[in-house]
Each structure stands twice: as C-alpha cells, then as structure tokens.
PDB file of N, CA and C in Angstrom:
ATOM      1  N   UNK A   1       6.821  -2.180  22.148  1.00  0.00           N
ATOM      2  CA  UNK A   1       5.336  -2.001  21.355  1.00  0.00           C
ATOM      3  C   UNK A   1       5.646  -2.819  19.999  1.00  0.00           C
ATOM      4  N   UNK A   2       5.200  -4.033  19.580  1.00  0.00           N
ATOM      5  CA  UNK A   2       5.536  -4.625  18.299  1.00  0.00           C
ATOM      6  C   UNK A   2       4.901  -3.808  17.428  1.00  0.00           C
ATOM      7  N   UNK A   3       3.810  -3.243  17.255  1.00  0.00           N
ATOM      8  CA  UNK A   3       3.337  -2.322  15.907  1.00  0.00           C
ATOM      9  C   UNK A   3       4.257  -1.217  15.729  1.00  0.00           C
ATOM     10  N   UNK A   4       4.827  -0.606  16.701  1.00  0.00           N
ATOM     11  CA  UNK A   4       5.865   0.508  16.307  1.00  0.00           C
ATOM     12  C   UNK A   4       7.282  -0.154  15.641  1.00  0.00           C
ATOM     13  N   UNK A   5       7.528  -1.226  16.248  1.00  0.00           N
ATOM     14  CA  UNK A   5       8.701  -1.689  15.809  1.00  0.00           C
ATOM     15  C   UNK A   5       8.648  -1.944  14.456  1.00  0.00           C
ATOM     16  N   UNK A   6       7.340  -2.859  14.060  1.00  0.00           N
ATOM     17  CA  UNK A   6       6.876  -3.208  12.595  1.00  0.00           C
ATOM     18  C   UNK A   6       7.102  -1.952  11.698  1.00  0.00           C
ATOM     19  N   UNK A   7       6.442  -0.812  12.140  1.00  0.00           N
ATOM     20  CA  UNK A   7       6.108   0.278  11.397  1.00  0.00           C
ATOM     21  C   UNK A   7       7.680   0.822  10.886  1.00  0.00           C
ATOM     22  N   UNK A   8       8.527   0.802  11.926  1.00  0.00           N
ATOM     23  CA  UNK A   8       9.851   1.608  11.449  1.00  0.00           C
ATOM     24  C   UNK A   8      10.640   0.570  10.567  1.00  0.00           C
ATOM     25  N   UNK A   9      10.341  -0.766  10.579  1.00  0.00           N
ATOM     26  CA  UNK A   9      11.063  -1.502   9.486  1.00  0.00           C
ATOM     27  C   UNK A   9      10.233  -1.427   8.216  1.00  0.00           C
ATOM     28  N   UNK A  10       9.202  -0.834   7.960  1.00  0.00           N
ATOM     29  CA  UNK A  10       8.616  -1.059   6.701  1.00  0.00           C
ATOM     30  C   UNK A  10       9.361   0.009   5.883  1.00  0.00           C
ATOM     31  N   UNK A  11       9.763   1.137   6.711  1.00  0.00           N
ATOM     32  CA  UNK A  11      10.312   2.367   5.862  1.00  0.00           C
ATOM     33  C   UNK A  11       9.500   2.914   4.860  1.00  0.00           C
ATOM     34  N   UNK A  12       8.321   2.913   4.843  1.00  0.00           N
ATOM     35  CA  UNK A  12       7.356   3.504   3.897  1.00  0.00           C
ATOM     36  C   UNK A  12       7.163   4.658   4.367  1.00  0.00           C
ATOM     37  N   UNK A  13       7.440   5.759   3.385  1.00  0.00           N
ATOM     38  CA  UNK A  13       7.097   7.292   3.791  1.00  0.00           C
ATOM     39  C   UNK A  13       5.968   7.992   2.582  1.00  0.00           C
ATOM     40  N   UNK A  14       5.547   8.928   3.184  1.00  0.00           N
ATOM     41  CA  UNK A  14       4.459   9.476   2.060  1.00  0.00           C
ATOM     42  C   UNK A  14       5.656  10.095   0.994  1.00  0.00           C
ATOM     43  N   UNK A  15       4.935   9.905  -0.247  1.00  0.00           N
ATOM     44  CA  UNK A  15       5.999  10.441  -1.357  1.00  0.00           C
ATOM     45  C   UNK A  15       6.879   9.255  -1.832  1.00  0.00           C
ATOM     46  N   UNK A  16       6.997   8.127  -1.234  1.00  0.00           N
ATOM     47  CA  UNK A  16       7.524   7.108  -2.062  1.00  0.00           C
ATOM     48  C   UNK A  16       6.896   6.427  -3.171  1.00  0.00           C
ATOM     49  N   UNK A  17       7.591   6.059  -4.008  1.00  0.00           N
ATOM     50  CA  UNK A  17       6.993   5.041  -5.171  1.00  0.00           C
ATOM     51  C   UNK A  17       7.496   3.605  -4.921  1.00  0.00           C
ATOM     52  N   UNK A  18       6.421   2.680  -5.102  1.00  0.00           N
ATOM     53  CA  UNK A  18       6.693   1.485  -4.853  1.00  0.00           C
ATOM     54  C   UNK A  18       6.046   0.421  -5.761  1.00  0.00           C
ATOM     55  N   UNK A  19       6.476  -0.523  -6.156  1.00  0.00           N
ATOM     56  CA  UNK A  19       5.510  -1.641  -7.133  1.00  0.00           C
ATOM     57  C   UNK A  19       4.974  -2.546  -6.030  1.00  0.00           C
ATOM     58  N   UNK A  20       3.696  -2.525  -6.311  1.00  0.00           N
ATOM     59  CA  UNK A  20       2.600  -3.247  -5.489  1.00  0.00           C
ATOM     60  C   UNK A  20       1.750  -4.246  -6.298  1.00  0.00           C
ATOM     61  N   UNK A  21       1.529  -5.413  -5.875  1.00  0.00           N
ATOM     62  CA  UNK A  21       0.686  -6.306  -6.219  1.00  0.00           C
ATOM     63  C   UNK A  21      -0.682  -6.183  -5.564  1.00  0.00           C
ATOM     64  N   UNK A  22      -1.710  -6.032  -6.054  1.00  0.00           N
ATOM     65  CA  UNK A  22      -3.040  -5.985  -5.260  1.00  0.00           C
ATOM     66  C   UNK A  22      -3.319  -7.544  -5.187  1.00  0.00           C
ATOM     67  N   UNK A  23      -3.266  -7.772  -3.871  1.00  0.00           N
ATOM     68  CA  UNK A  23      -3.883  -9.010  -3.270  1.00  0.00           C
ATOM     69  C   UNK A  23      -5.171  -9.331  -2.995  1.00  0.00           C
ATOM     70  N   UNK A  24      -5.856  -8.098  -2.471  1.00  0.00           N
ATOM     71  CA  UNK A  24      -7.485  -8.476  -2.357  1.00  0.00           C
ATOM     72  C   UNK A  24      -8.135  -7.057  -2.771  1.00  0.00           C
ATOM     73  N   UNK A  25      -9.558  -6.976  -2.133  1.00  0.00           N
ATOM     74  CA  UNK A  25     -10.090  -5.843  -2.473  1.00  0.00           C
ATOM     75  C   UNK A  25     -10.555  -5.434  -1.026  1.00  0.00           C
ATOM     76  N   UNK A  26     -10.523  -4.085  -0.469  1.00  0.00           N
ATOM     77  CA  UNK A  26     -11.165  -3.683   0.687  1.00  0.00           C
ATOM     78  C   UNK A  26     -12.486  -3.891   0.873  1.00  0.00           C
ATOM     79  N   UNK A  27     -13.087  -3.501   1.856  1.00  0.00           N
ATOM     80  CA  UNK A  27     -14.829  -3.315   2.173  1.00  0.00           C
ATOM     81  C   UNK A  27     -15.173  -1.898   1.226  1.00  0.00           C
ATOM     82  N   UNK A  28     -14.353  -1.056   1.058  1.00  0.00           N
ATOM     83  CA  UNK A  28     -14.691   0.103   0.411  1.00  0.00           C
ATOM     84  C   UNK A  28     -14.371   0.377  -1.026  1.00  0.00           C
ATOM     85  N   UNK A  29     -13.955  -1.028  -1.588  1.00  0.00           N
ATOM     86  CA  UNK A  29     -13.586  -1.237  -3.167  1.00  0.00           C
ATOM     87  C   UNK A  29     -12.099  -0.746  -3.307  1.00  0.00           C
ATOM     88  N   UNK A  30     -11.282  -0.557  -2.429  1.00  0.00           N
ATOM     89  CA  UNK A  30     -10.019  -0.153  -2.669  1.00  0.00           C
ATOM     90  C   UNK A  30      -9.222  -1.296  -3.022  1.00  0.00           C
ATOM     91  N   UNK A  31      -8.292  -1.454  -3.724  1.00  0.00           N
ATOM     92  CA  UNK A  31      -7.174  -2.591  -3.922  1.00  0.00           C
ATOM     93  C   UNK A  31      -6.354  -2.698  -2.514  1.00  0.00           C
ATOM     94  N   UNK A  32      -5.785  -3.792  -2.225  1.00  0.00           N
ATOM     95  CA  UNK A  32      -4.942  -3.683  -0.967  1.00  0.00           C
ATOM     96  C   UNK A  32      -3.878  -4.388  -1.407  1.00  0.00           C
ATOM     97  N   UNK A  33      -2.538  -4.125  -1.080  1.00  0.00           N
ATOM     98  CA  UNK A  33      -1.332  -4.770  -1.306  1.00  0.00           C
ATOM     99  C   UNK A  33      -0.550  -4.686  -0.074  1.00  0.00           C
ATOM    100  N   UNK A  34       0.714  -5.216  -0.054  1.00  0.00           N
ATOM    101  CA  UNK A  34       1.566  -5.187   1.057  1.00  0.00           C
ATOM    102  C   UNK A  34       2.951  -4.774   0.775  1.00  0.00           C
ATOM    103  N   UNK A  35       3.756  -4.000   1.462  1.00  0.00           N
ATOM    104  CA  UNK A  35       4.936  -3.516   1.106  1.00  0.00           C
ATOM    105  C   UNK A  35       5.709  -4.171   2.431  1.00  0.00           C
ATOM    106  N   UNK A  36       6.563  -5.115   2.596  1.00  0.00           N
ATOM    107  CA  UNK A  36       7.155  -5.655   3.847  1.00  0.00           C
ATOM    108  C   UNK A  36       6.067  -6.180   4.698  1.00  0.00           C
ATOM    109  N   UNK A  37       4.917  -6.343   4.544  1.00  0.00           N
ATOM    110  CA  UNK A  37       3.935  -6.777   5.352  1.00  0.00           C
ATOM    111  C   UNK A  37       3.202  -5.524   5.980  1.00  0.00           C
ATOM    112  N   UNK A  38       3.371  -4.419   5.184  1.00  0.00           N
ATOM    113  CA  UNK A  38       2.527  -3.091   5.504  1.00  0.00           C
ATOM    114  C   UNK A  38       1.420  -2.999   4.541  1.00  0.00           C
ATOM    115  N   UNK A  39       0.212  -2.972   5.096  1.00  0.00           N
ATOM    116  CA  UNK A  39      -1.001  -2.735   4.175  1.00  0.00           C
ATOM    117  C   UNK A  39      -0.985  -1.321   3.661  1.00  0.00           C
ATOM    118  N   UNK A  40      -1.069  -1.281   2.197  1.00  0.00           N
ATOM    119  CA  UNK A  40      -1.346  -0.247   1.488  1.00  0.00           C
ATOM    120  C   UNK A  40      -2.790  -0.228   0.592  1.00  0.00           C
ATOM    121  N   UNK A  41      -3.597   0.720   1.008  1.00  0.00           N
ATOM    122  CA  UNK A  41      -4.900   0.681  -0.005  1.00  0.00           C
ATOM    123  C   UNK A  41      -4.723   1.556  -1.142  1.00  0.00           C
ATOM    124  N   UNK A  42      -4.958   1.050  -2.206  1.00  0.00           N
ATOM    125  CA  UNK A  42      -5.077   1.870  -3.404  1.00  0.00           C
ATOM    126  C   UNK A  42      -6.111   1.885  -4.183  1.00  0.00           C
ATOM    127  N   UNK A  43      -6.778   2.994  -4.335  1.00  0.00           N
ATOM    128  CA  UNK A  43      -8.242   3.089  -5.171  1.00  0.00           C
ATOM    129  C   UNK A  43      -8.120   2.740  -6.687  1.00  0.00           C
ATOM    130  N   UNK A  44      -9.238   2.295  -7.086  1.00  0.00           N
ATOM    131  CA  UNK A  44      -9.131   2.276  -8.844  1.00  0.00           C
ATOM    132  C   UNK A  44      -8.105   1.283  -9.283  1.00  0.00           C
ATOM    133  N   UNK A  45      -7.835   0.096  -8.331  1.00  0.00           N
ATOM    134  CA  UNK A  45      -7.039  -0.686  -8.750  1.00  0.00           C
ATOM    135  C   UNK A  45      -7.833  -2.216  -8.761  1.00  0.00           C
ATOM    136  N   UNK A  46      -7.070  -3.183  -9.447  1.00  0.00           N
ATOM    137  CA  UNK A  46      -7.684  -4.550  -9.808  1.00  0.00           C
ATOM    138  C   UNK A  46      -6.774  -5.628  -9.010  1.00  0.00           C
ATOM    139  N   UNK A  47      -7.566  -6.626  -8.259  1.00  0.00           N
ATOM    140  CA  UNK A  47      -7.050  -7.754  -7.685  1.00  0.00           C
ATOM    141  C   UNK A  47      -6.307  -8.466  -8.739  1.00  0.00           C
ATOM    142  N   UNK A  48      -5.143  -8.845  -8.505  1.00  0.00           N
ATOM    143  CA  UNK A  48      -4.034  -9.612  -9.186  1.00  0.00           C
ATOM    144  C   UNK A  48      -3.310  -8.882 -10.058  1.00  0.00           C
ATOM    145  N   UNK A  49      -3.332  -7.797 -10.346  1.00  0.00           N
ATOM    146  CA  UNK A  49      -2.635  -6.783 -11.002  1.00  0.00           C
ATOM    147  C   UNK A  49      -1.358  -6.101 -10.099  1.00  0.00           C
ATOM    148  N   UNK A  50      -0.362  -5.687 -10.933  1.00  0.00           N
ATOM    149  CA  UNK A  50       0.446  -4.923 -10.273  1.00  0.00           C
ATOM    150  C   UNK A  50       0.804  -3.444 -10.727  1.00  0.00           C
ATOM    151  N   UNK A  51       1.068  -2.463  -9.816  1.00  0.00           N
ATOM    152  CA  UNK A  51       0.985  -1.121 -10.129  1.00  0.00           C
ATOM    153  C   UNK A  51       2.326  -0.426  -9.583  1.00  0.00           C
ATOM    154  N   UNK A  52       2.756   0.533 -10.211  1.00  0.00           N
ATOM    155  CA  UNK A  52       3.514   1.375  -9.802  1.00  0.00           C
ATOM    156  C   UNK A  52       2.638   2.673  -8.968  1.00  0.00           C
ATOM    157  N   UNK A  53       3.049   2.560  -7.539  1.00  0.00           N
ATOM    158  CA  UNK A  53       2.026   3.176  -6.716  1.00  0.00           C
ATOM    159  C   UNK A  53       2.715   4.497  -5.857  1.00  0.00           C
ATOM    160  N   UNK A  54       2.252   5.584  -5.666  1.00  0.00           N
ATOM    161  CA  UNK A  54       2.807   6.761  -4.807  1.00  0.00           C
ATOM    162  C   UNK A  54       2.100   6.484  -3.647  1.00  0.00           C
ATOM    163  N   UNK A  55       3.164   6.394  -2.412  1.00  0.00           N
ATOM    164  CA  UNK A  55       2.407   6.429  -1.268  1.00  0.00           C
ATOM    165  C   UNK A  55       1.881   8.051  -0.894  1.00  0.00           C
ATOM    166  N   UNK A  56       0.634   8.040  -0.526  1.00  0.00           N
ATOM    167  CA  UNK A  56       0.037   9.149  -0.183  1.00  0.00           C
ATOM    168  C   UNK A  56      -0.439   9.503   1.195  1.00  0.00           C
ATOM    169  N   UNK A  57      -0.316   8.611   2.099  1.00  0.00           N
ATOM    170  CA  UNK A  57      -0.563   8.707   3.515  1.00  0.00           C
ATOM    171  C   UNK A  57      -0.317   7.522   4.122  1.00  0.00           C
ATOM    172  N   UNK A  58       0.366   7.696   5.225  1.00  0.00           N
ATOM    173  CA  UNK A  58       0.974   6.518   6.071  1.00  0.00           C
ATOM    174  C   UNK A  58       0.483   6.744   7.670  1.00  0.00           C
ATOM    175  N   UNK A  59      -0.393   5.845   7.944  1.00  0.00           N
ATOM    176  CA  UNK A  59      -0.944   5.882   9.276  1.00  0.00           C
ATOM    177  C   UNK A  59      -0.170   4.555  10.103  1.00  0.00           C
ATOM    178  N   UNK A  60      -0.597   4.598  11.456  1.00  0.00           N
ATOM    179  CA  UNK A  60       0.084   3.439  12.104  1.00  0.00           C
ATOM    180  C   UNK A  60       0.100   2.368  11.694  1.00  0.00           C
ATOM    181  N   UNK A  61      -1.101   1.713  11.048  1.00  0.00           N
ATOM    182  CA  UNK A  61      -1.114   0.133  10.830  1.00  0.00           C
ATOM    183  C   UNK A  61      -1.368   0.024   9.321  1.00  0.00           C
ATOM    184  N   UNK A  62      -1.537   0.972   8.605  1.00  0.00           N
ATOM    185  CA  UNK A  62      -1.619   0.833   7.263  1.00  0.00           C
ATOM    186  C   UNK A  62      -1.374   2.146   6.331  1.00  0.00           C
ATOM    187  N   UNK A  63      -1.401   2.154   5.158  1.00  0.00           N
ATOM    188  CA  UNK A  63      -1.409   3.447   4.374  1.00  0.00           C
ATOM    189  C   UNK A  63      -2.303   3.498   3.322  1.00  0.00           C
ATOM    190  N   UNK A  64      -2.102   4.663   2.462  1.00  0.00           N
ATOM    191  CA  UNK A  64      -2.954   4.620   1.224  1.00  0.00           C
ATOM    192  C   UNK A  64      -1.967   5.146   0.055  1.00  0.00           C
ATOM    193  N   UNK A  65      -2.269   4.873  -1.366  1.00  0.00           N
ATOM    194  CA  UNK A  65      -1.402   5.260  -2.062  1.00  0.00           C
ATOM    195  C   UNK A  65      -2.475   5.487  -3.393  1.00  0.00           C
ATOM    196  N   UNK A  66      -1.749   5.935  -4.555  1.00  0.00           N
ATOM    197  CA  UNK A  66      -2.128   6.439  -5.773  1.00  0.00           C
ATOM    198  C   UNK A  66      -1.588   5.584  -6.768  1.00  0.00           C
ATOM    199  N   UNK A  67      -2.410   4.820  -7.588  1.00  0.00           N
ATOM    200  CA  UNK A  67      -1.770   4.136  -8.656  1.00  0.00           C
ATOM    201  C   UNK A  67      -1.112   4.989  -9.865  1.00  0.00           C
ATOM    202  N   UNK A  68       0.085   5.098 -10.166  1.00  0.00           N
ATOM    203  CA  UNK A  68       0.557   6.029 -11.304  1.00  0.00           C
ATOM    204  C   UNK A  68       0.546   5.449 -12.542  1.00  0.00           C
ATOM    205  N   UNK A  69       0.481   3.822 -12.665  1.00  0.00           N
ATOM    206  CA  UNK A  69       0.473   2.779 -13.823  1.00  0.00           C
ATOM    207  C   UNK A  69       0.566   1.476 -13.434  1.00  0.00           C
ATOM    208  N   UNK A  70      -0.173   0.941 -14.282  1.00  0.00           N
ATOM    209  CA  UNK A  70       0.105  -0.559 -14.334  1.00  0.00           C
ATOM    210  C   UNK A  70       1.284  -1.288 -14.793  1.00  0.00           C
ATOM    211  N   UNK A  71       1.818  -2.133 -14.164  1.00  0.00           N
ATOM    212  CA  UNK A  71       3.222  -2.699 -14.711  1.00  0.00           C
ATOM    213  C   UNK A  71       2.947  -4.256 -14.920  1.00  0.00           C
TER     214      UNK A  71
END
C-alpha cells in the first residue's frame, strides 16, 4: 500500500513542531502547507507566509496544526 509507506516516511506526529510555508488556502479557509509531501491544514494563516506550527492531529492522508507564530 503506497499511501501507508508514504505516511511512515513523513514522520509527522501529534505534538511535533515544524516550520511550514502556507502554499494554498483550503475550501474551509484553512491554510495548507506540506511537510515532506504530507499536507497539513492550519487555521488562521495566510498564503505565502511561513509559520512555526504545532501538529495537533494526524490522519491517514493529511494532518492539522496550530500556528504558534509567524516566522
């Protein structure tokens, strides 16, 4: 299963802090960025900006984070 393999290589876990550039805005208005190709949705962020993000939830194909600060 390719999807499972890709998830194990992202090594993104709940509680991790990552630097994330918001590359687009999702349909619900959340910013979206990628960590090693893995999509993370972050509310209250702006496209083209970078943030220090705490990962709050990791699902099979994407995750969610909380912006701690703009960097």
